[in-house]
Amino acid sequence: MAAGAQGRVWSGPSRRRVPRFEVAAPLDVTVLRSGIPDTVPGRSVNVCERGIAAMLAGELLAGETVGIEVRLPLLADSLRTRALVKYQDKLRCGLEFVGLSAEQRAVIRDWAKGAKAETQSETVVSPPPAPVSAAPAKKETAGGGGGHGTTSGGAPRPPKRKQRWIAFVMLLLLAAIAAGAFWWWRWNKDWEELESGLGNPLAVSAEKPQAQVAAEVMEKLLVHRVEPSYPAEARKADLQGVIALDIIVGRDGSVVTMHPLNGPDVLARAAMDALRWWKFEPYRVNGEPAVVETTVAVEFKK
């Protein structure tokens, strides 16, 4: 009996120019809402040198520029950069890195190598071949001796080829149902993971500062500073000066909340956009990292 040809199956590393590595790491996405930074927590799905896919507990708009802080496993420091929102489908969001430095790309490559991260694979399956009958069907003869045969009650049996197609269709239906059930289970699992971590990224902002620290003291603890961009509309209107901001610094040294104390709105927004990337050494109270309040000043001049 001749055997039918097997369907062609290929499974291997992704054929994308930049490989994507599967990783479930906590991350924060910061977006400006009416000039006020809003932090959306989430969990990564995969990451590469060009961008990241994540499950987020909030909604973003395609085309928005956001800030990302992702805590990859085995890395001492979080990866911070800007990104462009490419799409969002339900909870899943695609983000393309903007201005990622060569050093940060090297950090991603070194992390993937050290963590032995797995690349996402692509699978292509050719359609199954049509079943081939083992022998040509016999012609029907008078008296019921044809190839279809009859049941014990005299009713004609369905052709064998039809039986095989019915079985094949049933298998396809079962596979579709199983795939749908798996997708629903995975979606709910991702959502539960997000819900379980919703409180953590925003918990610091709810804490009251444990100390009021002088500006000159916190300035000595500043380890990462981002200079603000001078807005074109402010330059055109000849707006310049010093913007003072009241900020709260979390236990990890990141800027949790900020509030401008003076100046035009356009300069205050530019100052806050830069200030959310500042990083301090944790201020310690009785030897333990503490949430503190302080004042900083950002100067705009031509």
Protein backbone atom coordinates (compact mmCIF):
# COMPACT_ATOMS: atom_id res chain seq x y z
CA MET A 1 0.00 0.00 0.00
CA ALA A 2 1.48 3.37 -1.02
CA ALA A 3 2.08 5.82 1.85
CA GLY A 4 1.08 9.49 1.46
CA ALA A 5 3.77 12.17 1.53
CA GLN A 6 4.25 13.85 4.92
CA GLY A 7 3.52 17.61 5.38
CA ARG A 8 6.67 19.74 5.38
CA VAL A 9 7.40 21.23 8.84
CA TRP A 10 10.12 23.82 9.67
CA SER A 11 10.87 25.09 13.16
CA GLY A 12 13.96 27.06 14.05
CA PRO A 13 15.40 30.40 15.16
CA SER A 14 13.66 33.59 14.10
CA ARG A 15 14.65 34.84 10.69
CA ARG A 16 14.39 38.47 11.79
CA ARG A 17 17.52 40.61 11.36
CA VAL A 18 17.67 41.18 15.14
CA PRO A 19 16.76 38.16 17.31
CA ARG A 20 14.10 38.58 19.99
CA PHE A 21 14.66 36.96 23.38
CA GLU A 22 11.81 35.65 25.51
CA VAL A 23 11.80 37.17 29.00
CA ALA A 24 9.12 37.95 31.59
CA ALA A 25 10.57 40.93 33.45
CA PRO A 26 8.74 43.70 35.37
CA LEU A 27 8.75 47.09 33.67
CA ASP A 28 7.33 50.58 34.01
CA VAL A 29 6.16 52.69 31.08
CA THR A 30 5.94 56.43 31.78
CA VAL A 31 3.78 58.65 29.57
CA LEU A 32 2.92 62.34 29.92
CA ARG A 33 -0.78 63.03 30.47
CA SER A 34 -1.52 66.79 30.33
CA GLY A 35 2.05 67.49 31.33
CA ILE A 36 1.96 65.08 34.30
CA PRO A 37 3.91 61.80 34.10
CA ASP A 38 1.75 58.70 34.45
CA THR A 39 3.39 55.35 35.17
CA VAL A 40 1.86 52.19 33.69
CA PRO A 41 3.18 48.90 35.14
CA GLY A 42 3.55 45.75 33.09
CA ARG A 43 5.58 42.68 32.26
CA SER A 44 7.76 42.07 29.19
CA VAL A 45 7.09 39.28 26.69
CA ASN A 46 10.24 39.57 24.59
CA VAL A 47 13.08 42.04 24.10
CA CYS A 48 15.66 42.78 21.43
CA GLU A 49 18.08 45.57 20.53
CA ARG A 50 15.34 47.41 18.61
CA GLY A 51 12.38 47.19 20.93
CA ILE A 52 10.27 45.30 23.42
CA ALA A 53 6.85 43.62 23.52
CA ALA A 54 4.98 43.77 26.82
CA MET A 55 1.68 43.14 28.60
CA LEU A 56 0.58 46.44 30.18
CA ALA A 57 -2.05 47.29 32.78
CA GLY A 58 -3.06 50.44 30.92
CA GLU A 59 -3.77 51.88 27.50
CA LEU A 60 -1.26 53.66 25.26
CA LEU A 61 -1.76 55.31 21.88
CA ALA A 62 0.17 54.39 18.75
CA GLY A 63 2.69 57.13 17.98
CA GLU A 64 3.16 58.22 21.60
CA THR A 65 6.71 58.64 22.92
CA VAL A 66 7.13 57.06 26.35
CA GLY A 67 9.84 56.26 28.84
CA ILE A 68 10.68 52.65 29.69
CA GLU A 69 12.39 51.16 32.72
CA VAL A 70 12.77 47.38 32.55
CA ARG A 71 14.45 45.22 35.18
CA LEU A 72 16.06 42.37 33.27
CA PRO A 73 17.08 39.31 35.33
CA LEU A 74 20.70 39.14 36.50
CA LEU A 75 21.31 42.85 35.77
CA ALA A 76 22.20 45.08 38.72
CA ASP A 77 20.70 48.23 37.15
CA SER A 78 17.45 48.74 35.28
CA LEU A 79 17.52 49.51 31.55
CA ARG A 80 16.10 53.01 30.96
CA THR A 81 15.35 54.46 27.54
CA ARG A 82 12.73 56.15 25.41
CA ALA A 83 10.44 54.27 23.04
CA LEU A 84 7.79 54.82 20.39
CA VAL A 85 4.46 53.01 20.75
CA LYS A 86 3.98 50.99 17.56
CA TYR A 87 0.73 49.18 18.43
CA GLN A 88 -1.48 47.98 21.27
CA ASP A 89 -3.86 45.02 21.06
CA LYS A 90 -5.83 44.49 24.27
CA LEU A 91 -3.11 44.17 26.94
CA ARG A 92 -0.22 43.53 24.54
CA CYS A 93 1.85 46.48 23.37
CA GLY A 94 4.78 46.82 20.94
CA LEU A 95 7.41 49.47 21.70
CA GLU A 96 10.33 50.53 19.48
CA PHE A 97 13.40 51.91 21.25
CA VAL A 98 14.36 55.50 20.40
CA GLY A 99 17.97 56.65 20.78
CA LEU A 100 19.26 53.43 22.35
CA SER A 101 22.99 53.88 22.84
CA ALA A 102 25.62 51.40 21.67
CA GLU A 103 26.41 50.70 25.33
CA GLN A 104 22.76 49.82 26.06
CA ARG A 105 22.62 47.52 23.02
CA ALA A 106 25.74 45.79 24.30
CA VAL A 107 24.05 45.40 27.70
CA ILE A 108 21.10 43.59 26.04
CA ARG A 109 23.45 41.31 24.07
CA ASP A 110 25.56 40.53 27.14
CA TRP A 111 22.43 39.87 29.21
CA ALA A 112 21.05 37.47 26.59
CA LYS A 113 24.36 35.64 26.47
CA GLY A 114 24.79 35.47 30.24
CA ALA A 115 21.19 34.52 30.94
CA LYS A 116 21.16 32.05 28.03
CA ALA A 117 17.89 33.61 26.89
CA GLU A 118 15.94 31.67 24.28
CA THR A 119 15.12 33.29 20.96
CA GLN A 120 11.56 33.13 19.70
CA SER A 121 11.11 30.59 16.92
CA GLU A 122 9.02 30.75 13.81
CA THR A 123 7.14 27.65 12.60
CA VAL A 124 5.84 27.06 9.10
CA VAL A 125 3.67 24.03 8.40
CA SER A 126 2.62 23.09 4.89
CA PRO A 127 -0.97 21.93 4.35
CA PRO A 128 -1.55 18.19 4.80
CA PRO A 129 -1.65 16.11 1.60
CA ALA A 130 -4.89 14.74 0.31
CA PRO A 131 -5.39 11.15 1.42
CA VAL A 132 -4.51 8.55 -1.19
CA SER A 133 -6.70 5.49 -1.39
CA ALA A 134 -4.92 2.14 -1.21
CA ALA A 135 -6.72 0.69 -4.22
CA PRO A 136 -9.15 1.87 -6.89
CA ALA A 137 -12.78 1.67 -5.90
CA LYS A 138 -14.63 -1.36 -7.14
CA LYS A 139 -17.56 -0.98 -9.43
CA GLU A 140 -20.96 -1.62 -7.97
CA THR A 141 -22.55 -4.88 -8.93
CA ALA A 142 -26.06 -5.98 -8.68
CA GLY A 143 -26.77 -7.70 -5.42
CA GLY A 144 -24.79 -5.21 -3.20
CA GLY A 145 -21.25 -6.50 -3.89
CA GLY A 146 -19.88 -3.01 -4.74
CA GLY A 147 -16.96 -1.23 -3.13
CA HIS A 148 -19.17 0.74 -0.71
CA GLY A 149 -20.70 -2.36 0.83
CA THR A 150 -23.76 -2.50 2.98
CA THR A 151 -24.52 -2.64 6.65
CA SER A 152 -26.10 -5.63 8.29
CA GLY A 153 -29.50 -3.97 7.81
CA GLY A 154 -28.97 -3.53 4.09
CA ALA A 155 -28.19 0.27 4.23
CA PRO A 156 -25.13 1.38 2.18
CA ARG A 157 -21.97 2.16 4.11
CA PRO A 158 -20.32 5.62 3.55
CA PRO A 159 -17.28 5.51 1.25
CA LYS A 160 -13.94 5.01 3.04
CA ARG A 161 -12.55 8.24 1.55
CA LYS A 162 -15.51 10.18 2.99
CA GLN A 163 -14.92 8.56 6.38
CA ARG A 164 -11.30 9.69 6.34
CA TRP A 165 -12.25 13.27 5.47
CA ILE A 166 -14.83 13.36 8.25
CA ALA A 167 -12.17 12.18 10.73
CA PHE A 168 -9.72 14.78 9.39
CA VAL A 169 -12.26 17.61 9.77
CA MET A 170 -13.06 16.48 13.31
CA LEU A 171 -9.35 16.57 14.18
CA LEU A 172 -9.09 20.11 12.82
CA LEU A 173 -12.07 21.20 14.90
CA LEU A 174 -10.61 19.64 18.04
CA ALA A 175 -7.25 21.34 17.37
CA ALA A 176 -8.98 24.72 16.91
CA ILE A 177 -10.91 24.29 20.16
CA ALA A 178 -7.74 23.31 22.02
CA ALA A 179 -5.85 26.32 20.59
CA GLY A 180 -8.68 28.67 21.62
CA ALA A 181 -8.75 27.23 25.13
CA PHE A 182 -4.97 27.61 25.45
CA TRP A 183 -5.10 31.21 24.24
CA TRP A 184 -7.84 32.05 26.76
CA TRP A 185 -5.89 30.39 29.59
CA ARG A 186 -2.68 32.26 28.66
CA TRP A 187 -4.51 35.58 28.39
CA ASN A 188 -6.04 35.14 31.84
CA LYS A 189 -2.70 34.05 33.31
CA ASP A 190 -0.94 37.15 31.95
CA TRP A 191 -3.70 39.35 33.28
CA GLU A 192 -3.52 37.75 36.73
CA GLU A 193 0.23 38.29 36.79
CA LEU A 194 -0.29 41.94 35.95
CA GLU A 195 -2.96 42.35 38.60
CA SER A 196 -0.73 40.78 41.23
CA GLY A 197 1.96 43.37 40.54
CA LEU A 198 -0.17 46.45 40.04
CA GLY A 199 0.40 47.82 43.50
CA ASN A 200 4.17 47.51 43.63
CA PRO A 201 5.34 50.11 41.09
CA LEU A 202 2.99 52.76 42.46
CA ALA A 203 3.32 51.92 46.14
CA VAL A 204 6.24 54.31 46.65
CA SER A 205 4.24 57.27 45.39
CA ALA A 206 1.61 56.59 48.05
CA GLU A 207 4.17 56.69 50.88
CA LYS A 208 4.73 59.90 52.79
CA PRO A 209 8.29 61.29 52.72
CA GLN A 210 10.31 60.32 55.75
CA ALA A 211 12.52 63.39 55.60
CA GLN A 212 12.86 66.83 53.99
CA VAL A 213 16.34 67.01 52.46
CA ALA A 214 18.13 70.19 51.43
CA ALA A 215 18.73 70.68 47.71
CA GLU A 216 22.52 70.88 48.08
CA VAL A 217 22.57 67.55 49.96
CA MET A 218 20.55 65.72 47.29
CA GLU A 219 22.64 67.29 44.53
CA LYS A 220 25.68 65.41 45.89
CA LEU A 221 23.72 62.15 45.59
CA LEU A 222 22.74 62.76 41.94
CA VAL A 223 24.25 59.98 39.78
CA HIS A 224 22.35 60.41 36.50
CA ARG A 225 21.15 63.71 35.09
CA VAL A 226 19.28 64.37 31.83
CA GLU A 227 19.31 67.93 30.53
CA PRO A 228 15.92 69.23 29.36
CA SER A 229 15.14 70.03 25.74
CA TYR A 230 14.50 73.72 25.13
CA PRO A 231 10.98 73.83 23.60
CA ALA A 232 10.85 75.57 20.22
CA GLU A 233 7.78 77.57 21.23
CA ALA A 234 9.56 78.80 24.38
CA ARG A 235 12.65 79.78 22.38
CA LYS A 236 10.47 81.63 19.87
CA ALA A 237 8.70 83.49 22.68
CA ASP A 238 12.09 84.25 24.32
CA LEU A 239 11.06 82.42 27.52
CA GLN A 240 13.96 81.58 29.81
CA GLY A 241 14.77 81.32 33.49
CA VAL A 242 15.01 78.84 36.36
CA ILE A 243 12.18 76.37 37.06
CA ALA A 244 12.01 75.14 40.65
CA LEU A 245 10.35 71.81 41.33
CA ASP A 246 9.33 70.02 44.50
CA ILE A 247 10.08 66.30 44.05
CA ILE A 248 9.78 63.06 45.99
CA VAL A 249 12.63 60.54 45.59
CA GLY A 250 11.88 56.87 46.22
CA ARG A 251 13.89 54.33 48.15
CA ASP A 252 15.66 53.25 44.95
CA GLY A 253 16.72 56.81 44.10
CA SER A 254 14.25 57.37 41.26
CA VAL A 255 12.03 60.46 41.00
CA VAL A 256 8.55 59.32 42.00
CA THR A 257 6.50 62.53 41.84
CA MET A 258 7.24 66.15 40.97
CA HIS A 259 5.47 69.49 41.14
CA PRO A 260 6.65 72.73 39.50
CA LEU A 261 6.72 75.73 41.83
CA ASN A 262 7.10 78.53 39.28
CA GLY A 263 7.54 79.48 35.65
CA PRO A 264 5.62 79.11 32.38
CA ASP A 265 3.85 75.80 31.76
CA VAL A 266 5.83 75.08 28.60
CA LEU A 267 9.14 75.25 30.50
CA ALA A 268 7.72 73.37 33.51
CA ARG A 269 6.61 70.50 31.25
CA ALA A 270 10.04 70.32 29.61
CA ALA A 271 11.71 70.29 33.02
CA MET A 272 9.49 67.44 34.28
CA ASP A 273 10.04 65.47 31.07
CA ALA A 274 13.79 65.50 31.77
CA LEU A 275 13.58 65.15 35.54
CA ARG A 276 11.77 61.81 35.45
CA TRP A 277 15.01 60.27 34.12
CA TRP A 278 17.16 61.57 36.98
CA LYS A 279 18.61 59.04 39.39
CA PHE A 280 19.96 59.59 42.90
CA GLU A 281 21.83 57.42 45.33
CA PRO A 282 19.25 56.36 47.93
CA TYR A 283 19.06 58.75 50.85
CA ARG A 284 19.39 56.82 54.10
CA VAL A 285 17.65 57.37 57.41
CA ASN A 286 19.12 55.31 60.26
CA GLY A 287 21.10 53.37 57.68
CA GLU A 288 18.04 52.35 55.62
CA PRO A 289 16.95 53.74 52.20
CA ALA A 290 14.12 56.22 52.68
CA VAL A 291 11.51 58.14 50.70
CA VAL A 292 12.45 61.83 50.89
CA GLU A 293 11.26 65.21 49.63
CA THR A 294 13.56 67.87 48.20
CA THR A 295 13.71 70.79 45.77
CA VAL A 296 15.63 70.96 42.48
CA ALA A 297 16.13 73.75 39.96
CA VAL A 298 16.39 73.46 36.16
CA GLU A 299 17.66 76.41 34.13
CA PHE A 300 16.58 77.34 30.61
CA LYS A 301 18.68 79.90 28.76
CA LYS A 302 19.65 80.64 25.18
